[in-house]
Protein backbone atom coordinates (compact mmCIF):
# COMPACT_ATOMS: atom_id res chain seq x y z
CA UNK A 1 9.53 17.58 -0.92
CA UNK A 2 7.23 14.32 -1.29
CA UNK A 3 8.21 11.01 -3.11
CA UNK A 4 6.18 8.44 -4.88
CA UNK A 5 6.92 4.61 -4.21
CA UNK A 6 5.29 2.20 -5.61
CA UNK A 7 4.69 -1.31 -4.43
CA UNK A 8 3.06 -4.63 -5.17
CA UNK A 9 0.61 -6.39 -2.98
CA UNK A 10 -0.81 -10.11 -3.61
CA UNK A 11 -4.43 -10.94 -2.31
CA UNK A 12 -6.64 -8.24 -2.86
CA UNK A 13 -10.11 -8.78 -4.87
CA UNK A 14 -12.49 -5.88 -4.05
CA UNK A 15 -12.99 -2.27 -3.41
CA UNK A 16 -12.89 -3.65 0.35
CA UNK A 17 -9.64 -4.93 0.12
CA UNK A 18 -8.39 -1.63 -1.56
CA UNK A 19 -9.70 0.13 1.51
CA UNK A 20 -8.40 -1.68 3.88
CA UNK A 21 -4.70 -1.63 2.54
CA UNK A 22 -5.19 2.41 2.11
CA UNK A 23 -6.63 2.71 5.52
CA UNK A 24 -3.44 0.99 6.80
CA UNK A 25 -0.87 2.84 5.45
CA UNK A 26 -2.59 6.32 5.61
CA UNK A 27 -2.06 5.77 8.87
CA UNK A 28 1.52 5.41 8.45
CA UNK A 29 3.57 8.84 9.73
CA UNK A 30 4.45 11.21 6.73
CA UNK A 31 2.02 9.33 4.34
CA UNK A 32 0.15 12.04 2.36
CA UNK A 33 -1.97 9.68 0.08
CA UNK A 34 -2.61 6.28 -1.06
CA UNK A 35 -3.92 5.06 -4.52
CA UNK A 36 -4.26 1.48 -5.64
CA UNK A 37 -4.65 0.05 -8.76
CA UNK A 38 -6.52 -2.85 -8.29
CA UNK A 39 -5.69 -6.46 -9.94
CA UNK A 40 -7.75 -9.33 -8.96
CA UNK A 41 -5.83 -12.57 -8.77
CA UNK A 42 -2.65 -10.98 -9.21
CA UNK A 43 -0.78 -8.35 -8.03
CA UNK A 44 -1.98 -4.95 -7.38
CA UNK A 45 0.08 -1.70 -7.58
CA UNK A 46 -0.28 0.50 -4.35
CA UNK A 47 1.46 3.95 -5.09
CA UNK A 48 2.08 5.80 -1.92
CA UNK A 49 3.09 9.40 -1.83
CA UNK A 50 4.65 10.61 1.50
CA UNK A 51 6.46 13.36 2.96
CA UNK A 52 9.95 11.30 2.68
CA UNK A 53 10.42 7.45 1.94
CA UNK A 54 8.85 5.48 4.33
CA UNK A 55 10.18 2.53 5.89
CA UNK A 56 9.65 -0.58 3.98
CA UNK A 57 8.98 -2.72 6.55
CA UNK A 58 6.27 -0.02 8.53
CA UNK A 59 4.34 -0.40 4.57
CA UNK A 60 5.18 -4.10 4.84
CA UNK A 61 3.56 -4.18 8.10
CA UNK A 62 0.60 -1.99 7.37
CA UNK A 63 -0.05 -4.25 4.07
CA UNK A 64 0.02 -7.36 6.30
CA UNK A 65 -2.10 -5.84 9.00
CA UNK A 66 -4.65 -5.42 6.37
CA UNK A 67 -4.54 -8.99 5.39
CA UNK A 68 -2.44 -8.66 2.57
CA UNK A 69 1.11 -9.14 1.42
CA UNK A 70 3.49 -6.92 0.02
CA UNK A 71 5.63 -7.92 -2.93
CA UNK A 72 8.24 -6.83 -5.19
CA UNK A 73 6.90 -4.48 -8.16
């Protein structure tokens, strides 16, 4: 059974930002889909569907690798 988790990400401003974060999270083992509700200048909502709950530290590392910061939703 899949699980869906929402995360907050600060610093994204454009479609390139969305693509970078999406690619990094999608590369995590178990990730099935990633969708982003972009909030320019605020906290964007990133929704991840995965086989099982992903390790929050791995998600944070993926977001940081893309150049952004994971925050509480």
